[in-house]
Amino acid sequence: MPSAAPGSPRALWFAGRRRAELRPEDVPAPGPGEVRVRTVLSAVSHGTEMLVYRGEVPKDLPLDLPTFAGGFGFPIKHGYASAGRVLDTGPDVTDISPGDAVFVHHPHQDVFTVPADFPVRLPRNLDPLRAVFFANMETALNVVHDVHARLGETALVFGQGVVGLLVTRLLGMSGICVLAVEPIPNRRKLALKMGVDAAFEPGDGLRERVLGATDGRGADVAVEASGSGAALAGALECVADEGTVVAASWYGKEPVRLPLGGHFHRGRVRIKSSQVGRVAPEMSARWDGKRRTGAVISHLQDPRIPLDSLVSHRIPFGEAPGAYRMLDEAPDAAVQVVFDYGEG
């Protein structure tokens, strides 16, 4: 497939395993009920997108966003965190206007046309660098809702990537004691900046350190947000009797081995899945997608959440393919990679 010509609309595609490239896109003018958006910034999902980039997703798995294209067997246009502005609108579009700041769950692409109900309209004064965290904040909020921690309880968060750091911060703002487990020293420092009570390295002796920090009980709940099956296994060992482990990660097609014969069985430990595609079912009478969106925007505006400090790399979109090589070969070097489209 030809590469994109300078000035023409471009999108990032995974052409094959560990092959990212920019390709030209045909972007039509918006028709009835559609809008056209120019991207300002987009954020890489270091967990999900890297699974796709490495070919670690089942080839026959259906695409779960209508803005994706291709398939997990390659090629595929992926990504879901774009902040931009509306360029123009088609006939009969009344709820959104040219110039509006928006977030769209859309792959990395400089200009695109979508149905008018796809973009989330944002406050005009919201910095795009904070807006680009919408998808991660939405996931983190959903995880916190699935945790159900109570005042006076302790949550243990495995993985201090972006989602883990946001989960850590939201739990702490809710008055929960938060402990973090993270192998990368810089991310442990970020966790402390986000307000954790202690940040531990994984490995031998972790259970004893958690017991020591919780008066011998173990954590009331653990969140696995690292994408590591070993971390999920460790979480099962670190929660208290009748504790809950919330699995927030997607492991792709990699098998996960868990120790289910000891503390898990005798301690009646529970494992719960958290996935952002659905609101927690026990909250569905009071919460829906619209209410969650409002809460996410409120958190994006909250100065107590230092989102800017999570951006480790701001890369011109034209250099985007190299970012995936960097994340694949040196994942410890980055926290949040953001693509800059040169629009402000």
Protein backbone atom coordinates (compact mmCIF):
# COMPACT_ATOMS: atom_id res chain seq x y z
CA MET A 1 0.00 0.00 0.00
CA PRO A 2 1.41 3.46 -0.89
CA SER A 3 2.65 5.71 1.84
CA ALA A 4 0.82 8.95 2.56
CA ALA A 5 1.80 11.96 0.46
CA PRO A 6 2.76 15.14 2.34
CA GLY A 7 -0.35 17.16 3.15
CA SER A 8 -2.83 14.36 2.49
CA PRO A 9 -4.87 12.83 5.34
CA ARG A 10 -2.93 10.04 7.05
CA ALA A 11 -3.65 7.28 9.52
CA LEU A 12 -1.40 4.92 11.41
CA TRP A 13 -1.84 1.25 10.51
CA PHE A 14 -0.25 -1.90 11.88
CA ALA A 15 0.61 -3.59 8.60
CA GLY A 16 1.89 -6.76 10.22
CA ARG A 17 3.49 -8.02 13.39
CA ARG A 18 5.74 -5.21 14.73
CA ARG A 19 5.19 -3.12 11.57
CA ALA A 20 3.61 0.32 11.95
CA GLU A 21 3.26 2.72 9.04
CA LEU A 22 1.41 5.85 7.96
CA ARG A 23 -1.05 5.35 5.11
CA PRO A 24 -3.14 7.79 3.08
CA GLU A 25 -6.82 8.06 3.95
CA ASP A 26 -9.81 9.18 1.92
CA VAL A 27 -11.70 11.58 4.18
CA PRO A 28 -15.01 12.65 2.63
CA ALA A 29 -16.86 15.82 3.48
CA PRO A 30 -19.44 15.17 6.19
CA GLY A 31 -22.81 13.97 4.98
CA PRO A 32 -26.14 14.13 6.82
CA GLY A 33 -25.62 13.43 10.52
CA GLU A 34 -21.81 13.49 10.26
CA VAL A 35 -18.94 15.72 11.36
CA ARG A 36 -15.34 16.06 10.24
CA VAL A 37 -12.66 16.40 12.91
CA ARG A 38 -9.05 17.55 12.82
CA THR A 39 -6.89 15.88 15.45
CA VAL A 40 -4.72 17.99 17.74
CA LEU A 41 -3.22 15.22 19.91
CA SER A 42 -3.71 11.48 20.27
CA ALA A 43 -2.47 9.15 22.98
CA VAL A 44 -1.01 5.67 22.64
CA SER A 45 -2.48 2.92 24.78
CA HIS A 46 0.75 1.26 25.90
CA GLY A 47 -1.09 -1.91 26.94
CA THR A 48 -3.76 -2.63 24.35
CA GLU A 49 -2.04 -1.14 21.32
CA MET A 50 1.23 -2.93 22.03
CA LEU A 51 -0.62 -6.26 22.20
CA VAL A 52 -2.03 -5.47 18.74
CA TYR A 53 1.34 -4.26 17.42
CA ARG A 54 3.06 -7.46 18.57
CA GLY A 55 0.37 -9.70 17.11
CA GLU A 56 -0.66 -11.01 20.53
CA VAL A 57 -4.42 -10.69 19.94
CA PRO A 58 -6.50 -13.61 18.56
CA LYS A 59 -6.87 -13.05 14.81
CA ASP A 60 -10.58 -13.85 14.81
CA LEU A 61 -11.48 -11.50 17.68
CA PRO A 62 -14.17 -9.06 16.49
CA LEU A 63 -13.30 -5.38 16.41
CA ASP A 64 -15.00 -3.62 19.32
CA LEU A 65 -15.03 -0.02 18.05
CA PRO A 66 -16.78 1.08 14.85
CA THR A 67 -13.89 3.44 14.07
CA PHE A 68 -11.38 0.58 13.78
CA ALA A 69 -10.62 -0.83 10.33
CA GLY A 70 -9.08 -4.06 9.09
CA GLY A 71 -8.68 -6.93 11.54
CA PHE A 72 -6.43 -8.33 14.23
CA GLY A 73 -4.91 -10.66 11.63
CA PHE A 74 -3.43 -7.50 9.99
CA PRO A 75 -3.55 -4.96 8.61
CA ILE A 76 -5.44 -2.99 11.26
CA LYS A 77 -6.06 0.67 11.99
CA HIS A 78 -6.14 0.93 15.76
CA GLY A 79 -5.99 3.43 18.62
CA TYR A 80 -8.80 5.11 20.53
CA ALA A 81 -7.71 8.39 22.13
CA SER A 82 -7.95 11.42 19.85
CA ALA A 83 -8.49 15.01 20.99
CA GLY A 84 -9.27 17.58 18.30
CA ARG A 85 -11.64 20.19 16.92
CA VAL A 86 -14.63 19.96 14.63
CA LEU A 87 -13.80 21.22 11.14
CA ASP A 88 -17.28 21.15 9.62
CA THR A 89 -20.63 19.42 9.96
CA GLY A 90 -23.13 17.84 7.61
CA PRO A 91 -26.80 18.71 7.21
CA ASP A 92 -29.12 18.38 10.21
CA VAL A 93 -26.28 18.40 12.78
CA THR A 94 -27.35 20.72 15.59
CA ASP A 95 -25.68 19.47 18.78
CA ILE A 96 -22.09 20.15 17.71
CA SER A 97 -20.53 23.01 15.74
CA PRO A 98 -17.32 23.85 13.83
CA GLY A 99 -14.60 24.84 16.26
CA ASP A 100 -15.91 22.73 19.13
CA ALA A 101 -13.24 20.89 21.13
CA VAL A 102 -13.95 17.14 21.11
CA PHE A 103 -12.62 13.76 22.12
CA VAL A 104 -13.26 10.78 19.84
CA HIS A 105 -12.53 7.09 20.34
CA HIS A 106 -10.76 6.99 16.97
CA PRO A 107 -7.47 5.56 15.66
CA HIS A 108 -4.45 7.80 15.14
CA GLN A 109 -5.42 9.90 12.11
CA ASP A 110 -5.02 13.60 11.39
CA VAL A 111 -8.47 14.21 9.83
CA PHE A 112 -11.52 11.94 9.91
CA THR A 113 -15.28 11.95 9.36
CA VAL A 114 -17.57 10.21 11.85
CA PRO A 115 -21.25 10.18 12.86
CA ALA A 116 -22.12 13.29 14.87
CA ASP A 117 -22.87 11.28 18.01
CA PHE A 118 -19.34 9.83 18.17
CA PRO A 119 -17.43 12.90 19.41
CA VAL A 120 -17.60 13.90 23.07
CA ARG A 121 -17.88 17.68 23.23
CA LEU A 122 -15.39 19.15 25.71
CA PRO A 123 -15.18 22.45 27.58
CA ARG A 124 -13.43 25.03 25.40
CA ASN A 125 -10.90 25.80 28.13
CA LEU A 126 -9.80 22.17 28.57
CA ASP A 127 -6.17 21.78 27.47
CA PRO A 128 -5.92 19.12 24.70
CA LEU A 129 -3.02 17.60 26.63
CA ARG A 130 -5.46 16.80 29.44
CA ALA A 131 -8.33 15.95 27.08
CA VAL A 132 -6.27 13.24 25.42
CA PHE A 133 -6.46 11.26 28.69
CA PHE A 134 -10.25 10.87 28.34
CA ALA A 135 -10.13 7.15 27.44
CA ASN A 136 -7.68 6.27 30.22
CA MET A 137 -9.65 8.30 32.75
CA GLU A 138 -12.84 6.55 31.65
CA THR A 139 -11.18 3.17 32.18
CA ALA A 140 -9.76 4.20 35.56
CA LEU A 141 -13.12 5.49 36.77
CA ASN A 142 -14.77 2.25 35.71
CA VAL A 143 -12.12 0.26 37.60
CA VAL A 144 -12.67 2.32 40.75
CA HIS A 145 -16.41 1.68 40.49
CA ASP A 146 -15.69 -2.05 40.24
CA VAL A 147 -13.37 -1.96 43.26
CA HIS A 148 -16.07 -1.00 45.81
CA ALA A 149 -13.47 -0.09 48.45
CA ARG A 150 -14.81 1.54 51.62
CA LEU A 151 -13.36 4.20 53.89
CA GLY A 152 -10.77 2.66 56.17
CA GLU A 153 -9.90 -0.09 53.69
CA THR A 154 -6.69 -0.66 51.74
CA ALA A 155 -6.38 -1.09 47.98
CA LEU A 156 -3.27 -2.58 46.37
CA VAL A 157 -2.69 -1.52 42.73
CA PHE A 158 -0.37 -3.63 40.58
CA GLY A 159 1.10 -1.62 37.70
CA GLN A 160 1.73 2.10 37.64
CA GLY A 161 1.33 2.79 33.99
CA VAL A 162 -1.18 5.49 33.08
CA VAL A 163 -4.32 3.54 33.99
CA GLY A 164 -2.75 2.26 37.21
CA LEU A 165 -1.61 5.75 38.19
CA LEU A 166 -5.07 7.18 37.55
CA VAL A 167 -6.72 4.37 39.52
CA THR A 168 -4.26 5.10 42.33
CA ARG A 169 -5.12 8.81 42.31
CA LEU A 170 -8.89 8.36 42.14
CA LEU A 171 -8.87 5.83 44.99
CA GLY A 172 -6.73 8.14 47.10
CA MET A 173 -9.07 11.07 46.43
CA SER A 174 -11.90 8.84 47.67
CA GLY A 175 -10.19 8.44 51.05
CA ILE A 176 -8.88 4.92 50.47
CA CYS A 177 -5.42 3.87 51.66
CA VAL A 178 -3.53 2.90 48.49
CA LEU A 179 -0.42 0.74 48.10
CA ALA A 180 1.28 0.27 44.71
CA VAL A 181 3.39 -2.48 43.18
CA GLU A 182 5.61 -1.45 40.26
CA PRO A 183 9.01 -2.71 39.03
CA ILE A 184 10.15 0.57 37.38
CA PRO A 185 11.68 3.08 39.85
CA ASN A 186 10.48 6.19 37.95
CA ARG A 187 6.91 4.94 38.00
CA ARG A 188 7.14 4.23 41.72
CA LYS A 189 8.12 7.90 42.13
CA LEU A 190 5.10 8.92 40.05
CA ALA A 191 2.91 6.72 42.24
CA LEU A 192 4.15 8.58 45.32
CA LYS A 193 3.36 11.86 43.55
CA MET A 194 -0.14 10.49 42.93
CA GLY A 195 -0.55 9.95 46.66
CA VAL A 196 0.12 6.26 47.41
CA ASP A 197 0.99 5.41 50.98
CA ALA A 198 3.79 3.09 49.85
CA ALA A 199 5.18 1.77 46.57
CA PHE A 200 6.74 -1.71 46.48
CA GLU A 201 8.86 -3.62 44.01
CA PRO A 202 7.35 -6.96 42.97
CA GLY A 203 9.08 -10.22 43.74
CA ASP A 204 10.00 -12.30 46.74
CA GLY A 205 8.68 -11.03 50.02
CA LEU A 206 5.89 -8.91 48.53
CA ARG A 207 3.17 -10.66 50.50
CA GLU A 208 5.08 -10.08 53.74
CA ARG A 209 5.53 -6.38 52.94
CA VAL A 210 1.81 -6.00 52.22
CA LEU A 211 0.93 -7.84 55.44
CA GLY A 212 3.29 -5.54 57.32
CA ALA A 213 1.57 -2.47 55.89
CA THR A 214 -1.93 -3.75 56.74
CA ASP A 215 -1.51 -5.01 60.32
CA GLY A 216 -1.28 -8.58 59.07
CA ARG A 217 -4.61 -8.60 57.20
CA GLY A 218 -3.58 -8.18 53.60
CA ALA A 219 -5.21 -5.72 51.20
CA ASP A 220 -8.99 -5.56 51.16
CA VAL A 221 -8.90 -5.34 47.37
CA ALA A 222 -6.21 -5.55 44.71
CA VAL A 223 -6.29 -4.13 41.18
CA GLU A 224 -4.19 -5.76 38.47
CA ALA A 225 -3.47 -3.04 35.89
CA SER A 226 -0.02 -4.09 34.69
CA GLY A 227 -0.95 -6.59 31.98
CA SER A 228 1.18 -9.25 33.68
CA GLY A 229 -0.21 -12.67 34.52
CA ALA A 230 2.45 -12.95 37.23
CA ALA A 231 1.05 -9.78 38.80
CA LEU A 232 -2.45 -11.25 38.81
CA ALA A 233 -1.07 -14.30 40.58
CA GLY A 234 0.69 -12.06 43.10
CA ALA A 235 -2.51 -10.12 43.72
CA LEU A 236 -4.29 -13.31 44.74
CA GLU A 237 -1.65 -13.91 47.40
CA CYS A 238 -1.73 -10.36 48.80
CA VAL A 239 -5.42 -9.80 49.52
CA ALA A 240 -7.07 -10.58 52.83
CA ASP A 241 -9.47 -13.46 53.45
CA GLU A 242 -12.70 -12.71 51.56
CA GLY A 243 -10.75 -10.10 49.59
CA THR A 244 -11.31 -9.26 45.93
CA VAL A 245 -8.91 -9.04 43.00
CA VAL A 246 -10.10 -6.81 40.15
CA ALA A 247 -8.50 -7.79 36.83
CA ALA A 248 -8.39 -4.59 34.78
CA SER A 249 -5.80 -5.78 32.25
CA TRP A 250 -6.29 -7.41 28.87
CA TYR A 251 -3.87 -10.30 28.39
CA GLY A 252 -4.55 -10.94 24.71
CA LYS A 253 -4.01 -14.56 23.76
CA GLU A 254 -1.31 -15.23 26.35
CA PRO A 255 -2.30 -17.92 28.89
CA VAL A 256 -2.25 -16.88 32.55
CA ARG A 257 -1.36 -19.36 35.32
CA LEU A 258 -2.82 -18.69 38.77
CA PRO A 259 -2.16 -20.27 42.21
CA LEU A 260 -5.67 -21.45 43.05
CA GLY A 261 -4.82 -24.22 45.49
CA GLY A 262 -3.79 -22.27 48.61
CA HIS A 263 -4.83 -18.84 49.91
CA PHE A 264 -7.25 -18.33 47.01
CA HIS A 265 -9.26 -21.41 47.95
CA ARG A 266 -9.10 -21.33 51.75
CA GLY A 267 -9.36 -17.55 51.95
CA ARG A 268 -12.43 -17.44 49.67
CA VAL A 269 -10.74 -14.84 47.47
CA ARG A 270 -12.80 -13.45 44.57
CA ILE A 271 -11.60 -12.50 41.08
CA LYS A 272 -13.61 -9.86 39.23
CA SER A 273 -13.24 -8.59 35.67
CA SER A 274 -13.40 -4.86 34.95
CA GLN A 275 -13.96 -3.73 31.35
CA VAL A 276 -14.75 -0.20 30.28
CA GLY A 277 -17.28 -1.25 27.66
CA ARG A 278 -19.91 -1.64 30.37
CA VAL A 279 -20.89 0.29 33.47
CA ALA A 280 -20.70 -1.82 36.64
CA PRO A 281 -24.00 -3.77 36.48
CA GLU A 282 -24.91 -3.15 40.12
CA MET A 283 -24.77 0.60 39.37
CA SER A 284 -26.67 0.54 36.09
CA ALA A 285 -29.94 1.80 37.59
CA ARG A 286 -28.16 5.05 38.53
CA TRP A 287 -25.20 5.27 36.13
CA ASP A 288 -25.13 5.20 32.35
CA GLY A 289 -22.60 6.25 29.72
CA LYS A 290 -23.72 9.88 29.77
CA ARG A 291 -23.26 10.20 33.53
CA ARG A 292 -19.87 8.51 33.35
CA THR A 293 -18.78 10.88 30.57
CA GLY A 294 -19.70 13.86 32.72
CA ALA A 295 -17.69 12.46 35.63
CA VAL A 296 -14.68 11.84 33.37
CA ILE A 297 -14.70 15.42 32.07
CA SER A 298 -14.93 16.70 35.63
CA HIS A 299 -11.83 14.69 36.59
CA LEU A 300 -9.95 15.89 33.50
CA GLN A 301 -10.53 19.44 34.75
CA ASP A 302 -9.49 18.65 38.33
CA PRO A 303 -6.13 20.31 39.10
CA ARG A 304 -5.51 17.74 41.85
CA ILE A 305 -4.77 15.17 39.13
CA PRO A 306 -1.38 16.09 37.57
CA LEU A 307 -2.00 14.65 34.11
CA ASP A 308 0.77 16.69 32.45
CA SER A 309 3.38 14.91 34.54
CA LEU A 310 2.39 11.58 32.95
CA VAL A 311 3.39 12.64 29.42
CA SER A 312 6.93 11.34 28.92
CA HIS A 313 7.07 11.68 25.11
CA ARG A 314 5.35 14.16 22.77
CA ILE A 315 6.16 13.00 19.23
CA PRO A 316 5.23 14.56 15.85
CA PHE A 317 2.63 12.36 14.14
CA GLY A 318 4.91 11.95 11.13
CA GLU A 319 7.34 10.04 13.39
CA ALA A 320 4.65 7.85 14.98
CA PRO A 321 5.84 4.46 13.61
CA GLY A 322 9.13 4.84 15.47
CA ALA A 323 7.30 5.31 18.76
CA TYR A 324 6.07 1.71 18.67
CA ARG A 325 9.58 0.40 18.06
CA MET A 326 10.72 2.42 21.07
CA LEU A 327 7.89 1.10 23.27
CA ASP A 328 8.59 -2.46 22.13
CA GLU A 329 12.33 -2.34 22.71
CA ALA A 330 12.51 -0.02 25.75
CA PRO A 331 9.10 0.00 27.46
CA ASP A 332 10.57 1.25 30.74
CA ALA A 333 11.55 4.53 29.07
CA ALA A 334 8.00 5.82 28.61
CA VAL A 335 4.90 6.52 30.69
CA GLN A 336 2.56 8.17 28.18
CA VAL A 337 3.40 8.72 24.52
CA VAL A 338 1.36 11.44 22.81
CA PHE A 339 1.32 12.15 19.05
CA ASP A 340 1.28 15.87 18.14
CA TYR A 341 -0.43 16.81 14.86
CA GLY A 342 0.90 20.37 14.81
CA GLU A 343 -2.50 21.99 15.38
CA GLY A 344 -1.72 23.79 18.67
